[in-house]
PDB file of N, CA and C in Angstrom:
ATOM      1  N   UNK A   1      19.234  16.043  -3.725  1.00  0.00           N
ATOM      2  CA  UNK A   1      19.858  14.989  -2.978  1.00  0.00           C
ATOM      3  C   UNK A   1      20.683  14.089  -3.914  1.00  0.00           C
ATOM      4  N   UNK A   2      21.902  13.896  -3.510  1.00  0.00           N
ATOM      5  CA  UNK A   2      22.775  12.969  -4.280  1.00  0.00           C
ATOM      6  C   UNK A   2      23.547  12.098  -3.465  1.00  0.00           C
ATOM      7  N   UNK A   3      24.026  11.054  -3.895  1.00  0.00           N
ATOM      8  CA  UNK A   3      24.912  10.196  -3.252  1.00  0.00           C
ATOM      9  C   UNK A   3      26.297  10.684  -3.200  1.00  0.00           C
ATOM     10  N   UNK A   4      27.302  10.022  -2.462  1.00  0.00           N
ATOM     11  CA  UNK A   4      28.625  10.488  -2.234  1.00  0.00           C
ATOM     12  C   UNK A   4      29.389  10.641  -3.660  1.00  0.00           C
ATOM     13  N   UNK A   5      28.932   9.857  -4.590  1.00  0.00           N
ATOM     14  CA  UNK A   5      29.599   9.972  -5.902  1.00  0.00           C
ATOM     15  C   UNK A   5      28.898  10.937  -6.872  1.00  0.00           C
ATOM     16  N   UNK A   6      27.907  11.594  -6.314  1.00  0.00           N
ATOM     17  CA  UNK A   6      27.148  12.782  -7.207  1.00  0.00           C
ATOM     18  C   UNK A   6      25.952  12.261  -7.978  1.00  0.00           C
ATOM     19  N   UNK A   7      25.740  10.867  -7.915  1.00  0.00           N
ATOM     20  CA  UNK A   7      24.645  10.450  -8.592  1.00  0.00           C
ATOM     21  C   UNK A   7      23.333  10.556  -7.845  1.00  0.00           C
ATOM     22  N   UNK A   8      22.142  10.647  -8.446  1.00  0.00           N
ATOM     23  CA  UNK A   8      20.991  10.711  -7.626  1.00  0.00           C
ATOM     24  C   UNK A   8      20.748   9.352  -6.850  1.00  0.00           C
ATOM     25  N   UNK A   9      20.117   9.423  -5.665  1.00  0.00           N
ATOM     26  CA  UNK A   9      19.838   8.229  -4.927  1.00  0.00           C
ATOM     27  C   UNK A   9      18.869   7.328  -5.732  1.00  0.00           C
ATOM     28  N   UNK A  10      18.988   6.040  -5.420  1.00  0.00           N
ATOM     29  CA  UNK A  10      18.024   5.137  -6.167  1.00  0.00           C
ATOM     30  C   UNK A  10      16.618   5.446  -5.620  1.00  0.00           C
ATOM     31  N   UNK A  11      15.636   5.114  -6.473  1.00  0.00           N
ATOM     32  CA  UNK A  11      14.223   5.285  -6.054  1.00  0.00           C
ATOM     33  C   UNK A  11      13.734   3.932  -5.730  1.00  0.00           C
ATOM     34  N   UNK A  12      13.629   3.455  -4.479  1.00  0.00           N
ATOM     35  CA  UNK A  12      13.296   2.156  -4.273  1.00  0.00           C
ATOM     36  C   UNK A  12      12.025   1.639  -4.787  1.00  0.00           C
ATOM     37  N   UNK A  13      11.071   2.547  -4.908  1.00  0.00           N
ATOM     38  CA  UNK A  13       9.768   2.038  -5.276  1.00  0.00           C
ATOM     39  C   UNK A  13       9.738   1.718  -6.779  1.00  0.00           C
ATOM     40  N   UNK A  14      10.713   2.049  -7.613  1.00  0.00           N
ATOM     41  CA  UNK A  14      10.811   1.667  -8.900  1.00  0.00           C
ATOM     42  C   UNK A  14      11.143   0.125  -9.102  1.00  0.00           C
ATOM     43  N   UNK A  15      11.510  -0.450  -7.982  1.00  0.00           N
ATOM     44  CA  UNK A  15      11.735  -1.879  -8.010  1.00  0.00           C
ATOM     45  C   UNK A  15      10.462  -2.646  -7.673  1.00  0.00           C
ATOM     46  N   UNK A  16       9.397  -1.973  -7.211  1.00  0.00           N
ATOM     47  CA  UNK A  16       8.113  -2.612  -6.854  1.00  0.00           C
ATOM     48  C   UNK A  16       7.394  -2.935  -8.107  1.00  0.00           C
ATOM     49  N   UNK A  17       6.457  -3.857  -8.184  1.00  0.00           N
ATOM     50  CA  UNK A  17       5.778  -4.204  -9.394  1.00  0.00           C
ATOM     51  C   UNK A  17       4.301  -4.120  -9.115  1.00  0.00           C
ATOM     52  N   UNK A  18       3.668  -3.596 -10.147  1.00  0.00           N
ATOM     53  CA  UNK A  18       2.203  -3.517 -10.037  1.00  0.00           C
ATOM     54  C   UNK A  18       1.511  -4.717  -9.637  1.00  0.00           C
ATOM     55  N   UNK A  19       0.624  -4.759  -8.632  1.00  0.00           N
ATOM     56  CA  UNK A  19      -0.033  -5.912  -8.140  1.00  0.00           C
ATOM     57  C   UNK A  19       0.447  -6.307  -6.807  1.00  0.00           C
ATOM     58  N   UNK A  20       1.736  -5.913  -6.455  1.00  0.00           N
ATOM     59  CA  UNK A  20       2.373  -6.217  -5.146  1.00  0.00           C
ATOM     60  C   UNK A  20       1.573  -5.450  -4.076  1.00  0.00           C
ATOM     61  N   UNK A  21       1.603  -5.976  -2.858  1.00  0.00           N
ATOM     62  CA  UNK A  21       1.091  -5.292  -1.731  1.00  0.00           C
ATOM     63  C   UNK A  21       2.092  -4.411  -1.025  1.00  0.00           C
ATOM     64  N   UNK A  22       1.917  -3.191  -0.756  1.00  0.00           N
ATOM     65  CA  UNK A  22       3.003  -2.361  -0.319  1.00  0.00           C
ATOM     66  C   UNK A  22       2.302  -1.458   0.741  1.00  0.00           C
ATOM     67  N   UNK A  23       3.150  -0.846   1.543  1.00  0.00           N
ATOM     68  CA  UNK A  23       2.781   0.260   2.498  1.00  0.00           C
ATOM     69  C   UNK A  23       3.668   1.414   2.201  1.00  0.00           C
ATOM     70  N   UNK A  24       3.168   2.600   2.145  1.00  0.00           N
ATOM     71  CA  UNK A  24       3.887   3.780   1.858  1.00  0.00           C
ATOM     72  C   UNK A  24       3.520   4.912   2.970  1.00  0.00           C
ATOM     73  N   UNK A  25       4.492   5.318   3.666  1.00  0.00           N
ATOM     74  CA  UNK A  25       4.271   6.377   4.582  1.00  0.00           C
ATOM     75  C   UNK A  25       4.673   7.666   3.953  1.00  0.00           C
ATOM     76  N   UNK A  26       3.827   8.621   4.116  1.00  0.00           N
ATOM     77  CA  UNK A  26       3.954   9.920   3.293  1.00  0.00           C
ATOM     78  C   UNK A  26       3.538  11.215   4.209  1.00  0.00           C
ATOM     79  N   UNK A  27       4.010  12.351   3.853  1.00  0.00           N
ATOM     80  CA  UNK A  27       3.752  13.456   4.692  1.00  0.00           C
ATOM     81  C   UNK A  27       2.424  14.022   4.262  1.00  0.00           C
ATOM     82  N   UNK A  28       1.624  14.429   5.202  1.00  0.00           N
ATOM     83  CA  UNK A  28       0.346  15.207   5.021  1.00  0.00           C
ATOM     84  C   UNK A  28       0.466  16.506   5.874  1.00  0.00           C
ATOM     85  N   UNK A  29      -0.432  17.473   5.683  1.00  0.00           N
ATOM     86  CA  UNK A  29      -0.368  18.593   6.414  1.00  0.00           C
ATOM     87  C   UNK A  29      -0.332  18.564   7.911  1.00  0.00           C
ATOM     88  N   UNK A  30      -1.042  17.475   8.480  1.00  0.00           N
ATOM     89  CA  UNK A  30      -1.007  17.304   9.945  1.00  0.00           C
ATOM     90  C   UNK A  30      -0.024  16.265  10.482  1.00  0.00           C
ATOM     91  N   UNK A  31       0.847  15.822   9.563  1.00  0.00           N
ATOM     92  CA  UNK A  31       1.924  14.923  10.003  1.00  0.00           C
ATOM     93  C   UNK A  31       2.164  13.817   8.927  1.00  0.00           C
ATOM     94  N   UNK A  32       1.706  12.629   9.211  1.00  0.00           N
ATOM     95  CA  UNK A  32       2.023  11.516   8.274  1.00  0.00           C
ATOM     96  C   UNK A  32       0.734  10.714   8.105  1.00  0.00           C
ATOM     97  N   UNK A  33       0.752   9.910   7.082  1.00  0.00           N
ATOM     98  CA  UNK A  33      -0.340   8.911   6.737  1.00  0.00           C
ATOM     99  C   UNK A  33       0.279   7.743   6.088  1.00  0.00           C
ATOM    100  N   UNK A  34      -0.465   6.661   6.099  1.00  0.00           N
ATOM    101  CA  UNK A  34       0.168   5.437   5.443  1.00  0.00           C
ATOM    102  C   UNK A  34      -0.943   5.052   4.425  1.00  0.00           C
ATOM    103  N   UNK A  35      -0.436   4.529   3.368  1.00  0.00           N
ATOM    104  CA  UNK A  35      -1.272   3.898   2.220  1.00  0.00           C
ATOM    105  C   UNK A  35      -0.877   2.462   2.103  1.00  0.00           C
ATOM    106  N   UNK A  36      -1.786   1.578   2.489  1.00  0.00           N
ATOM    107  CA  UNK A  36      -1.472   0.062   2.468  1.00  0.00           C
ATOM    108  C   UNK A  36      -2.468  -0.496   1.575  1.00  0.00           C
ATOM    109  N   UNK A  37      -1.924  -1.239   0.605  1.00  0.00           N
ATOM    110  CA  UNK A  37      -2.708  -1.949  -0.299  1.00  0.00           C
ATOM    111  C   UNK A  37      -1.997  -2.429  -1.635  1.00  0.00           C
ATOM    112  N   UNK A  38      -2.806  -2.625  -2.657  1.00  0.00           N
ATOM    113  CA  UNK A  38      -2.143  -3.176  -3.927  1.00  0.00           C
ATOM    114  C   UNK A  38      -1.594  -1.919  -4.793  1.00  0.00           C
ATOM    115  N   UNK A  39      -0.445  -2.161  -5.192  1.00  0.00           N
ATOM    116  CA  UNK A  39       0.169  -1.155  -6.121  1.00  0.00           C
ATOM    117  C   UNK A  39      -0.485  -1.201  -7.453  1.00  0.00           C
ATOM    118  N   UNK A  40      -0.986  -0.040  -7.821  1.00  0.00           N
ATOM    119  CA  UNK A  40      -1.656   0.109  -9.165  1.00  0.00           C
ATOM    120  C   UNK A  40      -0.738   0.742 -10.161  1.00  0.00           C
ATOM    121  N   UNK A  41       0.064   1.622  -9.773  1.00  0.00           N
ATOM    122  CA  UNK A  41       0.987   2.409 -10.751  1.00  0.00           C
ATOM    123  C   UNK A  41       2.255   2.709 -10.045  1.00  0.00           C
ATOM    124  N   UNK A  42       3.317   2.692 -10.784  1.00  0.00           N
ATOM    125  CA  UNK A  42       4.647   3.098 -10.304  1.00  0.00           C
ATOM    126  C   UNK A  42       5.181   3.914 -11.378  1.00  0.00           C
ATOM    127  N   UNK A  43       5.663   5.151 -10.896  1.00  0.00           N
ATOM    128  CA  UNK A  43       6.305   6.183 -11.714  1.00  0.00           C
ATOM    129  C   UNK A  43       7.489   6.702 -10.928  1.00  0.00           C
ATOM    130  N   UNK A  44       8.482   7.379 -11.568  1.00  0.00           N
ATOM    131  CA  UNK A  44       9.582   7.991 -10.846  1.00  0.00           C
ATOM    132  C   UNK A  44       9.156   9.146  -9.901  1.00  0.00           C
ATOM    133  N   UNK A  45       8.102   9.790 -10.230  1.00  0.00           N
ATOM    134  CA  UNK A  45       7.517  10.884  -9.324  1.00  0.00           C
ATOM    135  C   UNK A  45       6.397  10.515  -8.437  1.00  0.00           C
ATOM    136  N   UNK A  46       5.928   9.311  -8.479  1.00  0.00           N
ATOM    137  CA  UNK A  46       4.688   8.931  -7.603  1.00  0.00           C
ATOM    138  C   UNK A  46       4.453   7.481  -7.753  1.00  0.00           C
ATOM    139  N   UNK A  47       3.649   7.043  -6.783  1.00  0.00           N
ATOM    140  CA  UNK A  47       2.900   5.695  -6.867  1.00  0.00           C
ATOM    141  C   UNK A  47       1.533   5.818  -6.617  1.00  0.00           C
ATOM    142  N   UNK A  48       0.703   4.896  -7.022  1.00  0.00           N
ATOM    143  CA  UNK A  48      -0.719   4.860  -6.699  1.00  0.00           C
ATOM    144  C   UNK A  48      -1.014   3.525  -6.100  1.00  0.00           C
ATOM    145  N   UNK A  49      -1.567   3.545  -4.885  1.00  0.00           N
ATOM    146  CA  UNK A  49      -1.939   2.358  -4.101  1.00  0.00           C
ATOM    147  C   UNK A  49      -3.416   2.272  -3.973  1.00  0.00           C
ATOM    148  N   UNK A  50      -3.963   1.121  -4.215  1.00  0.00           N
ATOM    149  CA  UNK A  50      -5.453   0.823  -3.954  1.00  0.00           C
ATOM    150  C   UNK A  50      -5.587   0.425  -2.478  1.00  0.00           C
ATOM    151  N   UNK A  51      -6.128   1.326  -1.783  1.00  0.00           N
ATOM    152  CA  UNK A  51      -6.365   1.106  -0.271  1.00  0.00           C
ATOM    153  C   UNK A  51      -7.900   0.695  -0.062  1.00  0.00           C
ATOM    154  N   UNK A  52      -8.221   0.396   1.220  1.00  0.00           N
ATOM    155  CA  UNK A  52      -9.599   0.045   1.358  1.00  0.00           C
ATOM    156  C   UNK A  52     -10.521   1.174   1.128  1.00  0.00           C
ATOM    157  N   UNK A  53      -9.981   2.463   1.121  1.00  0.00           N
ATOM    158  CA  UNK A  53     -10.846   3.648   0.899  1.00  0.00           C
ATOM    159  C   UNK A  53     -10.712   4.099  -0.527  1.00  0.00           C
ATOM    160  N   UNK A  54     -10.114   3.404  -1.428  1.00  0.00           N
ATOM    161  CA  UNK A  54      -9.903   3.741  -2.809  1.00  0.00           C
ATOM    162  C   UNK A  54      -8.438   4.051  -3.090  1.00  0.00           C
ATOM    163  N   UNK A  55      -8.282   4.414  -4.474  1.00  0.00           N
ATOM    164  CA  UNK A  55      -6.944   4.700  -4.897  1.00  0.00           C
ATOM    165  C   UNK A  55      -6.285   5.933  -4.059  1.00  0.00           C
ATOM    166  N   UNK A  56      -5.069   5.801  -3.762  1.00  0.00           N
ATOM    167  CA  UNK A  56      -4.141   6.974  -3.139  1.00  0.00           C
ATOM    168  C   UNK A  56      -3.086   7.211  -3.962  1.00  0.00           C
ATOM    169  N   UNK A  57      -2.827   8.415  -4.528  1.00  0.00           N
ATOM    170  CA  UNK A  57      -1.712   8.838  -5.240  1.00  0.00           C
ATOM    171  C   UNK A  57      -0.719   9.407  -4.244  1.00  0.00           C
ATOM    172  N   UNK A  58       0.447   8.875  -4.118  1.00  0.00           N
ATOM    173  CA  UNK A  58       1.402   9.467  -3.316  1.00  0.00           C
ATOM    174  C   UNK A  58       2.642   9.961  -4.077  1.00  0.00           C
ATOM    175  N   UNK A  59       2.863  11.381  -4.118  1.00  0.00           N
ATOM    176  CA  UNK A  59       3.880  11.916  -4.749  1.00  0.00           C
ATOM    177  C   UNK A  59       5.255  11.547  -4.201  1.00  0.00           C
ATOM    178  N   UNK A  60       6.326  11.364  -4.931  1.00  0.00           N
ATOM    179  CA  UNK A  60       7.649  11.073  -4.435  1.00  0.00           C
ATOM    180  C   UNK A  60       8.094  12.029  -3.446  1.00  0.00           C
ATOM    181  N   UNK A  61       7.774  13.408  -3.651  1.00  0.00           N
ATOM    182  CA  UNK A  61       8.201  14.498  -2.692  1.00  0.00           C
ATOM    183  C   UNK A  61       7.644  14.232  -1.440  1.00  0.00           C
ATOM    184  N   UNK A  62       6.530  13.572  -1.273  1.00  0.00           N
ATOM    185  CA  UNK A  62       5.822  13.345   0.079  1.00  0.00           C
ATOM    186  C   UNK A  62       6.203  12.024   0.765  1.00  0.00           C
ATOM    187  N   UNK A  63       6.878  11.095  -0.073  1.00  0.00           N
ATOM    188  CA  UNK A  63       7.129   9.799   0.546  1.00  0.00           C
ATOM    189  C   UNK A  63       8.250   9.898   1.613  1.00  0.00           C
ATOM    190  N   UNK A  64       8.008   9.148   2.725  1.00  0.00           N
ATOM    191  CA  UNK A  64       9.001   9.109   3.791  1.00  0.00           C
ATOM    192  C   UNK A  64       9.678   7.711   3.762  1.00  0.00           C
ATOM    193  N   UNK A  65       8.868   6.688   3.596  1.00  0.00           N
ATOM    194  CA  UNK A  65       9.348   5.320   3.624  1.00  0.00           C
ATOM    195  C   UNK A  65       8.369   4.431   2.926  1.00  0.00           C
ATOM    196  N   UNK A  66       8.772   3.277   2.529  1.00  0.00           N
ATOM    197  CA  UNK A  66       7.751   2.365   1.999  1.00  0.00           C
ATOM    198  C   UNK A  66       8.395   0.939   1.912  1.00  0.00           C
ATOM    199  N   UNK A  67       7.588  -0.050   1.695  1.00  0.00           N
ATOM    200  CA  UNK A  67       8.119  -1.402   1.562  1.00  0.00           C
ATOM    201  C   UNK A  67       7.108  -2.308   1.016  1.00  0.00           C
ATOM    202  N   UNK A  68       7.441  -3.429   0.458  1.00  0.00           N
ATOM    203  CA  UNK A  68       6.535  -4.565   0.183  1.00  0.00           C
ATOM    204  C   UNK A  68       6.071  -5.208   1.488  1.00  0.00           C
ATOM    205  N   UNK A  69       4.860  -5.659   1.484  1.00  0.00           N
ATOM    206  CA  UNK A  69       4.487  -6.284   2.695  1.00  0.00           C
ATOM    207  C   UNK A  69       3.593  -7.710   2.291  1.00  0.00           C
ATOM    208  N   UNK A  70       3.539  -8.575   3.247  1.00  0.00           N
ATOM    209  CA  UNK A  70       2.890  -9.763   2.911  1.00  0.00           C
ATOM    210  C   UNK A  70       1.351  -9.690   2.762  1.00  0.00           C
ATOM    211  N   UNK A  71       0.759 -10.632   2.121  1.00  0.00           N
ATOM    212  CA  UNK A  71      -0.739 -10.550   1.975  1.00  0.00           C
ATOM    213  C   UNK A  71      -1.394 -10.484   3.393  1.00  0.00           C
ATOM    214  N   UNK A  72      -2.631  -9.892   3.319  1.00  0.00           N
ATOM    215  CA  UNK A  72      -3.264  -9.846   4.701  1.00  0.00           C
ATOM    216  C   UNK A  72      -3.612 -11.218   5.215  1.00  0.00           C
ATOM    217  N   UNK A  73      -3.685 -11.300   6.518  1.00  0.00           N
ATOM    218  CA  UNK A  73      -3.999 -12.706   7.121  1.00  0.00           C
ATOM    219  C   UNK A  73      -5.434 -13.041   6.621  1.00  0.00           C
ATOM    220  N   UNK A  74      -5.562 -14.268   6.463  1.00  0.00           N
ATOM    221  CA  UNK A  74      -6.925 -14.704   6.055  1.00  0.00           C
ATOM    222  C   UNK A  74      -7.852 -14.727   7.315  1.00  0.00           C
ATOM    223  N   UNK A  75      -9.116 -14.240   7.153  1.00  0.00           N
ATOM    224  CA  UNK A  75      -9.992 -14.115   8.301  1.00  0.00           C
ATOM    225  C   UNK A  75     -10.624 -15.545   8.515  1.00  0.00           C
ATOM    226  N   UNK A  76     -10.995 -15.881   9.696  1.00  0.00           N
ATOM    227  CA  UNK A  76     -11.572 -17.124   9.976  1.00  0.00           C
ATOM    228  C   UNK A  76     -13.005 -17.156   9.291  1.00  0.00           C
ATOM    229  N   UNK A  77     -13.422 -18.395   8.910  1.00  0.00           N
ATOM    230  CA  UNK A  77     -14.725 -18.462   8.300  1.00  0.00           C
ATOM    231  C   UNK A  77     -15.819 -18.045   9.200  1.00  0.00           C
ATOM    232  N   UNK A  78     -16.812 -17.260   8.643  1.00  0.00           N
ATOM    233  CA  UNK A  78     -17.895 -16.714   9.444  1.00  0.00           C
ATOM    234  C   UNK A  78     -18.845 -17.848   9.747  1.00  0.00           C
ATOM    235  N   UNK A  79     -19.219 -17.867  11.057  1.00  0.00           N
ATOM    236  CA  UNK A  79     -20.155 -18.884  11.539  1.00  0.00           C
ATOM    237  C   UNK A  79     -21.531 -18.586  11.008  1.00  0.00           C
ATOM    238  N   UNK A  80     -22.247 -19.561  10.425  1.00  0.00           N
ATOM    239  CA  UNK A  80     -23.596 -19.224  10.033  1.00  0.00           C
ATOM    240  C   UNK A  80     -24.719 -19.607  11.139  1.00  0.00           C
ATOM    241  N   UNK A  81     -25.645 -18.886  11.477  1.00  0.00           N
ATOM    242  CA  UNK A  81     -26.580 -19.172  12.465  1.00  0.00           C
ATOM    243  C   UNK A  81     -27.235 -20.585  12.102  1.00  0.00           C
ATOM    244  N   UNK A  82     -27.578 -21.309  13.123  1.00  0.00           N
ATOM    245  CA  UNK A  82     -28.187 -22.551  12.818  1.00  0.00           C
ATOM    246  C   UNK A  82     -29.517 -22.368  12.076  1.00  0.00           C
ATOM    247  N   UNK A  83     -29.817 -23.342  11.145  1.00  0.00           N
ATOM    248  CA  UNK A  83     -31.048 -23.333  10.341  1.00  0.00           C
ATOM    249  C   UNK A  83     -32.209 -23.799  11.275  1.00  0.00           C
ATOM    250  N   UNK A  84     -33.296 -23.155  11.194  1.00  0.00           N
ATOM    251  CA  UNK A  84     -34.342 -23.673  11.944  1.00  0.00           C
ATOM    252  C   UNK A  84     -34.873 -24.949  11.449  1.00  0.00           C
ATOM    253  N   UNK A  85     -35.355 -25.831  12.353  1.00  0.00           N
ATOM    254  CA  UNK A  85     -35.802 -27.238  11.928  1.00  0.00           C
ATOM    255  C   UNK A  85     -37.054 -27.120  11.020  1.00  0.00           C
ATOM    256  N   UNK A  86     -37.117 -27.979  10.076  1.00  0.00           N
ATOM    257  CA  UNK A  86     -38.277 -27.905   9.188  1.00  0.00           C
ATOM    258  C   UNK A  86     -39.579 -28.205   9.916  1.00  0.00           C
ATOM    259  N   UNK A  87     -40.659 -27.649   9.608  1.00  0.00           N
ATOM    260  CA  UNK A  87     -41.922 -28.020  10.265  1.00  0.00           C
ATOM    261  C   UNK A  87     -42.219 -29.482  10.118  1.00  0.00           C
ATOM    262  N   UNK A  88     -42.901 -30.106  11.218  1.00  0.00           N
ATOM    263  CA  UNK A  88     -43.283 -31.491  11.033  1.00  0.00           C
ATOM    264  C   UNK A  88     -44.274 -31.791  10.043  1.00  0.00           C
TER     265      UNK A  88
END
């Protein structure tokens, strides 16, 4: 694949920085999958994303799209059950 002037297309993931939160959609045998999480590695031929299930290596040949995403929303504080009253 080349651009109109014959140069290879830009590799957008090379603009991403390790530590950024990204989502990458990529091809798998059954269709597509997404890797959402912290970017661990960036290479011309692949990226590695730390997801909730562990690191996911996504080869450039499988990438469909990807982008930087904002941090996850903060979760509300968990309510603690009331403490029992001390004995008299």
